[in-house]
Amino acid sequence: MNPISDIDPLGLSMWEDAKSGACTNGLCGTLSAMIGPDKFDSIDSTAYDALNKINSQSICEDKEFAGLICKDNSGRYFSTAPNRGERKGSYPFNSPCPNGTEKVSAYHTHGADSHGEYWDEIFSGKDEKIVKSKDNNIKSFYLGTPSGNFKAIDNHGKEITNRKGLPNVCRVHGNM
């Protein structure tokens, strides 16, 4: 074992753990409350927050974005940062949950209105395969659509959430 590679004189591993949302106790937990992701009491609220933040950018770029919903050891939920997919495809597992947390759900967008080229307002067959796969081990999959719908299906493919309220136009903000 190389003792030099295992030394963290600046304490950066705690900083990274705090930023990721993985820790909830002690100094790391205090830092996480300040610099970590927003945390919620429900998976639905977490997914809505993540999709509300990214749906407009997804429409502007006509790209899908995706990420995961994680559960920390205190039972609170947070989303991983969205990763940019392609025009009509994304993979939420490219933004993994940090060590010490549990992957419970996933979210993604469908970009801009394709004017009939794709079924933008519903889950695709690929989406359903992702949520139904036992290997992925998620309870639900959320979708932000070009018209601003917030939808979810469970791991049996049954729709469990369908409501309006997400951004449905391209708006460029200074903090994107």
C-alpha atoms as a PDB file:
ATOM      1  CA  MET A   1       0.000   0.000   0.000  1.00  0.00           C
ATOM      2  CA  ASN A   2       1.303   3.429  -0.905  1.00  0.00           C
ATOM      3  CA  PRO A   3       0.799   5.724   2.121  1.00  0.00           C
ATOM      4  CA  ILE A   4       1.237   8.837  -0.012  1.00  0.00           C
ATOM      5  CA  SER A   5      -1.773   8.032  -2.208  1.00  0.00           C
ATOM      6  CA  ASP A   6      -3.994   7.529   0.860  1.00  0.00           C
ATOM      7  CA  ILE A   7      -3.246  10.922   2.423  1.00  0.00           C
ATOM      8  CA  ASP A   8      -5.775  13.744   2.071  1.00  0.00           C
ATOM      9  CA  PRO A   9      -4.006  16.703   3.746  1.00  0.00           C
ATOM     10  CA  LEU A  10      -6.536  19.275   2.517  1.00  0.00           C
ATOM     11  CA  GLY A  11      -9.585  17.243   3.537  1.00  0.00           C
ATOM     12  CA  LEU A  12     -10.929  17.279  -0.016  1.00  0.00           C
ATOM     13  CA  SER A  13     -12.616  13.880   0.185  1.00  0.00           C
ATOM     14  CA  MET A  14     -14.962  15.239   2.877  1.00  0.00           C
ATOM     15  CA  TRP A  15     -15.614  18.281   0.657  1.00  0.00           C
ATOM     16  CA  GLU A  16     -16.526  16.030  -2.279  1.00  0.00           C
ATOM     17  CA  ASP A  17     -18.738  13.848  -0.064  1.00  0.00           C
ATOM     18  CA  ALA A  18     -20.506  16.976   1.216  1.00  0.00           C
ATOM     19  CA  LYS A  19     -21.019  18.315  -2.331  1.00  0.00           C
ATOM     20  CA  SER A  20     -22.418  14.964  -3.474  1.00  0.00           C
ATOM     21  CA  GLY A  21     -25.009  14.742  -0.690  1.00  0.00           C
ATOM     22  CA  ALA A  22     -23.632  11.451   0.610  1.00  0.00           C
ATOM     23  CA  CYS A  23     -23.051  12.509   4.212  1.00  0.00           C
ATOM     24  CA  THR A  24     -25.578  13.665   6.786  1.00  0.00           C
ATOM     25  CA  ASN A  25     -23.671  13.767  10.100  1.00  0.00           C
ATOM     26  CA  GLY A  26     -20.902  15.803  11.702  1.00  0.00           C
ATOM     27  CA  LEU A  27     -18.925  18.469   9.879  1.00  0.00           C
ATOM     28  CA  CYS A  28     -19.496  16.739   6.546  1.00  0.00           C
ATOM     29  CA  GLY A  29     -23.271  16.841   7.107  1.00  0.00           C
ATOM     30  CA  THR A  30     -23.102  20.526   8.029  1.00  0.00           C
ATOM     31  CA  LEU A  31     -21.103  21.288   4.886  1.00  0.00           C
ATOM     32  CA  SER A  32     -23.513  19.200   2.805  1.00  0.00           C
ATOM     33  CA  ALA A  33     -26.436  21.331   3.991  1.00  0.00           C
ATOM     34  CA  MET A  34     -24.601  24.396   2.642  1.00  0.00           C
ATOM     35  CA  ILE A  35     -22.950  23.149  -0.554  1.00  0.00           C
ATOM     36  CA  GLY A  36     -24.717  19.884  -1.310  1.00  0.00           C
ATOM     37  CA  PRO A  37     -27.808  19.205  -3.387  1.00  0.00           C
ATOM     38  CA  ASP A  38     -31.294  20.291  -2.325  1.00  0.00           C
ATOM     39  CA  LYS A  39     -32.948  17.495  -0.332  1.00  0.00           C
ATOM     40  CA  PHE A  40     -36.608  16.537  -0.161  1.00  0.00           C
ATOM     41  CA  ASP A  41     -38.958  14.277   1.785  1.00  0.00           C
ATOM     42  CA  SER A  42     -40.404  12.531  -1.295  1.00  0.00           C
ATOM     43  CA  ILE A  43     -39.182  11.086  -4.569  1.00  0.00           C
ATOM     44  CA  ASP A  44     -41.910  13.027  -6.452  1.00  0.00           C
ATOM     45  CA  SER A  45     -40.764  16.383  -5.045  1.00  0.00           C
ATOM     46  CA  THR A  46     -37.140  15.591  -5.845  1.00  0.00           C
ATOM     47  CA  ALA A  47     -37.928  14.604  -9.434  1.00  0.00           C
ATOM     48  CA  TYR A  48     -40.124  17.664  -9.949  1.00  0.00           C
ATOM     49  CA  ASP A  49     -37.344  19.949  -8.696  1.00  0.00           C
ATOM     50  CA  ALA A  50     -34.748  18.325 -10.972  1.00  0.00           C
ATOM     51  CA  LEU A  51     -37.004  18.463 -14.049  1.00  0.00           C
ATOM     52  CA  ASN A  52     -38.175  21.994 -13.283  1.00  0.00           C
ATOM     53  CA  LYS A  53     -34.529  23.122 -13.327  1.00  0.00           C
ATOM     54  CA  ILE A  54     -33.555  21.380 -16.591  1.00  0.00           C
ATOM     55  CA  ASN A  55     -36.654  21.133 -18.836  1.00  0.00           C
ATOM     56  CA  SER A  56     -36.254  24.610 -20.349  1.00  0.00           C
ATOM     57  CA  GLN A  57     -32.585  23.992 -21.192  1.00  0.00           C
ATOM     58  CA  SER A  58     -33.552  20.628 -22.679  1.00  0.00           C
ATOM     59  CA  ILE A  59     -36.068  22.375 -24.939  1.00  0.00           C
ATOM     60  CA  CYS A  60     -33.542  25.093 -25.911  1.00  0.00           C
ATOM     61  CA  GLU A  61     -30.869  22.565 -26.863  1.00  0.00           C
ATOM     62  CA  ASP A  62     -33.308  19.917 -28.161  1.00  0.00           C
ATOM     63  CA  LYS A  63     -31.357  17.368 -26.133  1.00  0.00           C
ATOM     64  CA  GLU A  64     -32.461  14.910 -23.506  1.00  0.00           C
ATOM     65  CA  PHE A  65     -31.044  15.271 -20.004  1.00  0.00           C
ATOM     66  CA  ALA A  66     -31.130  12.534 -17.356  1.00  0.00           C
ATOM     67  CA  GLY A  67     -30.043  11.724 -13.815  1.00  0.00           C
ATOM     68  CA  LEU A  68     -30.855   9.679 -10.756  1.00  0.00           C
ATOM     69  CA  ILE A  69     -32.781  10.218  -7.541  1.00  0.00           C
ATOM     70  CA  CYS A  70     -30.848   9.033  -4.491  1.00  0.00           C
ATOM     71  CA  LYS A  71     -31.793   8.405  -0.867  1.00  0.00           C
ATOM     72  CA  ASP A  72     -29.329   9.383   1.858  1.00  0.00           C
ATOM     73  CA  ASN A  73     -28.886   7.535   5.153  1.00  0.00           C
ATOM     74  CA  SER A  74     -31.346   9.883   6.903  1.00  0.00           C
ATOM     75  CA  GLY A  75     -34.144   8.967   4.456  1.00  0.00           C
ATOM     76  CA  ARG A  76     -34.079  12.213   2.445  1.00  0.00           C
ATOM     77  CA  TYR A  77     -33.955  12.341  -1.336  1.00  0.00           C
ATOM     78  CA  PHE A  78     -31.836  14.330  -3.784  1.00  0.00           C
ATOM     79  CA  SER A  79     -31.083  14.263  -7.490  1.00  0.00           C
ATOM     80  CA  THR A  80     -27.749  13.816  -9.183  1.00  0.00           C
ATOM     81  CA  ALA A  81     -26.679  16.484 -11.651  1.00  0.00           C
ATOM     82  CA  PRO A  82     -28.289  15.909 -15.052  1.00  0.00           C
ATOM     83  CA  ASN A  83     -26.116  14.558 -17.832  1.00  0.00           C
ATOM     84  CA  ARG A  84     -26.650  15.716 -21.415  1.00  0.00           C
ATOM     85  CA  GLY A  85     -27.837  12.998 -23.737  1.00  0.00           C
ATOM     86  CA  GLU A  86     -28.552  13.068 -27.452  1.00  0.00           C
ATOM     87  CA  ARG A  87     -31.476  14.532 -29.371  1.00  0.00           C
ATOM     88  CA  LYS A  88     -33.642  11.520 -28.608  1.00  0.00           C
ATOM     89  CA  GLY A  89     -31.825   9.472 -26.019  1.00  0.00           C
ATOM     90  CA  SER A  90     -30.254   9.718 -22.589  1.00  0.00           C
ATOM     91  CA  TYR A  91     -29.040   7.386 -19.878  1.00  0.00           C
ATOM     92  CA  PRO A  92     -29.667   8.369 -16.241  1.00  0.00           C
ATOM     93  CA  PHE A  93     -27.040   5.977 -14.876  1.00  0.00           C
ATOM     94  CA  ASN A  94     -24.274   8.183 -16.327  1.00  0.00           C
ATOM     95  CA  SER A  95     -24.914  10.377 -13.243  1.00  0.00           C
ATOM     96  CA  PRO A  96     -24.555   7.794 -10.459  1.00  0.00           C
ATOM     97  CA  CYS A  97     -25.601   8.182  -6.840  1.00  0.00           C
ATOM     98  CA  PRO A  98     -22.658   8.788  -4.502  1.00  0.00           C
ATOM     99  CA  ASN A  99     -21.271   6.001  -2.322  1.00  0.00           C
ATOM    100  CA  GLY A 100     -23.254   5.605   0.873  1.00  0.00           C
ATOM    101  CA  THR A 101     -26.588   6.480  -0.764  1.00  0.00           C
ATOM    102  CA  GLU A 102     -29.278   4.371  -2.403  1.00  0.00           C
ATOM    103  CA  LYS A 103     -30.444   4.709  -6.017  1.00  0.00           C
ATOM    104  CA  VAL A 104     -34.278   4.785  -5.933  1.00  0.00           C
ATOM    105  CA  SER A 105     -35.502   6.445  -9.130  1.00  0.00           C
ATOM    106  CA  ALA A 106     -34.452   8.225 -12.320  1.00  0.00           C
ATOM    107  CA  TYR A 107     -35.536  11.282 -14.291  1.00  0.00           C
ATOM    108  CA  HIS A 108     -35.133  12.547 -17.844  1.00  0.00           C
ATOM    109  CA  THR A 109     -36.438  15.050 -20.375  1.00  0.00           C
ATOM    110  CA  HIS A 110     -37.525  14.669 -23.993  1.00  0.00           C
ATOM    111  CA  GLY A 111     -36.067  17.885 -25.446  1.00  0.00           C
ATOM    112  CA  ALA A 112     -38.024  20.079 -27.861  1.00  0.00           C
ATOM    113  CA  ASP A 113     -41.249  19.244 -29.694  1.00  0.00           C
ATOM    114  CA  SER A 114     -40.342  17.016 -32.660  1.00  0.00           C
ATOM    115  CA  HIS A 115     -43.593  17.898 -34.505  1.00  0.00           C
ATOM    116  CA  GLY A 116     -44.633  14.272 -34.857  1.00  0.00           C
ATOM    117  CA  GLU A 117     -41.229  12.717 -35.552  1.00  0.00           C
ATOM    118  CA  TYR A 118     -41.220  11.156 -32.051  1.00  0.00           C
ATOM    119  CA  TRP A 119     -43.792  10.603 -29.323  1.00  0.00           C
ATOM    120  CA  ASP A 120     -42.492  13.413 -27.148  1.00  0.00           C
ATOM    121  CA  GLU A 121     -45.275  13.365 -24.565  1.00  0.00           C
ATOM    122  CA  ILE A 122     -45.109   9.712 -23.515  1.00  0.00           C
ATOM    123  CA  PHE A 123     -42.509   7.275 -22.239  1.00  0.00           C
ATOM    124  CA  SER A 124     -40.721   5.444 -25.029  1.00  0.00           C
ATOM    125  CA  GLY A 125     -40.272   1.682 -25.176  1.00  0.00           C
ATOM    126  CA  LYS A 126     -36.628   2.244 -24.204  1.00  0.00           C
ATOM    127  CA  ASP A 127     -37.762   4.274 -21.166  1.00  0.00           C
ATOM    128  CA  GLU A 128     -40.023   1.423 -20.066  1.00  0.00           C
ATOM    129  CA  LYS A 129     -37.202  -1.114 -20.444  1.00  0.00           C
ATOM    130  CA  ILE A 130     -34.984   1.023 -18.206  1.00  0.00           C
ATOM    131  CA  VAL A 131     -37.523   1.220 -15.368  1.00  0.00           C
ATOM    132  CA  LYS A 132     -38.621  -2.423 -15.651  1.00  0.00           C
ATOM    133  CA  SER A 133     -35.076  -3.841 -15.671  1.00  0.00           C
ATOM    134  CA  LYS A 134     -34.288  -5.680 -12.438  1.00  0.00           C
ATOM    135  CA  ASP A 135     -30.602  -4.824 -13.013  1.00  0.00           C
ATOM    136  CA  ASN A 136     -31.324  -1.091 -12.753  1.00  0.00           C
ATOM    137  CA  ASN A 137     -33.188  -1.525  -9.451  1.00  0.00           C
ATOM    138  CA  ILE A 138     -35.258   1.677  -9.546  1.00  0.00           C
ATOM    139  CA  LYS A 139     -38.830   2.123  -8.292  1.00  0.00           C
ATOM    140  CA  SER A 140     -39.947   4.737 -10.821  1.00  0.00           C
ATOM    141  CA  PHE A 141     -38.899   6.820 -13.828  1.00  0.00           C
ATOM    142  CA  TYR A 142     -39.854  10.484 -14.294  1.00  0.00           C
ATOM    143  CA  LEU A 143     -40.262  12.480 -17.496  1.00  0.00           C
ATOM    144  CA  GLY A 144     -40.346  16.174 -18.343  1.00  0.00           C
ATOM    145  CA  THR A 145     -42.027  16.716 -21.725  1.00  0.00           C
ATOM    146  CA  PRO A 146     -41.823  19.565 -24.269  1.00  0.00           C
ATOM    147  CA  SER A 147     -45.360  20.678 -23.341  1.00  0.00           C
ATOM    148  CA  GLY A 148     -44.391  20.931 -19.648  1.00  0.00           C
ATOM    149  CA  ASN A 149     -45.965  17.713 -18.401  1.00  0.00           C
ATOM    150  CA  PHE A 150     -44.469  15.989 -15.363  1.00  0.00           C
ATOM    151  CA  LYS A 151     -44.994  12.238 -15.657  1.00  0.00           C
ATOM    152  CA  ALA A 152     -43.873   9.086 -13.890  1.00  0.00           C
ATOM    153  CA  ILE A 153     -44.195   5.352 -14.361  1.00  0.00           C
ATOM    154  CA  ASP A 154     -43.467   2.666 -11.788  1.00  0.00           C
ATOM    155  CA  ASN A 155     -41.217  -0.348 -12.352  1.00  0.00           C
ATOM    156  CA  HIS A 156     -44.183  -2.243 -13.828  1.00  0.00           C
ATOM    157  CA  GLY A 157     -44.735   0.439 -16.495  1.00  0.00           C
ATOM    158  CA  LYS A 158     -47.900   1.810 -14.848  1.00  0.00           C
ATOM    159  CA  GLU A 159     -48.384   5.589 -14.949  1.00  0.00           C
ATOM    160  CA  ILE A 160     -48.293   6.953 -11.385  1.00  0.00           C
ATOM    161  CA  THR A 161     -47.976  10.711 -11.978  1.00  0.00           C
ATOM    162  CA  ASN A 162     -49.233  13.000 -14.753  1.00  0.00           C
ATOM    163  CA  ARG A 163     -49.610  16.734 -14.260  1.00  0.00           C
ATOM    164  CA  LYS A 164     -48.653  20.019 -15.859  1.00  0.00           C
ATOM    165  CA  GLY A 165     -46.390  22.695 -14.432  1.00  0.00           C
ATOM    166  CA  LEU A 166     -42.886  22.270 -15.841  1.00  0.00           C
ATOM    167  CA  PRO A 167     -41.356  24.914 -18.123  1.00  0.00           C
ATOM    168  CA  ASN A 168     -42.546  24.384 -21.692  1.00  0.00           C
ATOM    169  CA  VAL A 169     -40.566  27.031 -23.578  1.00  0.00           C
ATOM    170  CA  CYS A 170     -36.916  27.773 -24.170  1.00  0.00           C
ATOM    171  CA  ARG A 171     -35.707  30.347 -21.667  1.00  0.00           C
ATOM    172  CA  VAL A 172     -32.022  31.063 -21.307  1.00  0.00           C
ATOM    173  CA  HIS A 173     -30.972  32.052 -17.794  1.00  0.00           C
ATOM    174  CA  GLY A 174     -27.668  33.530 -16.762  1.00  0.00           C
ATOM    175  CA  ASN A 175     -26.994  30.630 -14.391  1.00  0.00           C
ATOM    176  CA  MET A 176     -27.158  27.809 -16.951  1.00  0.00           C
END
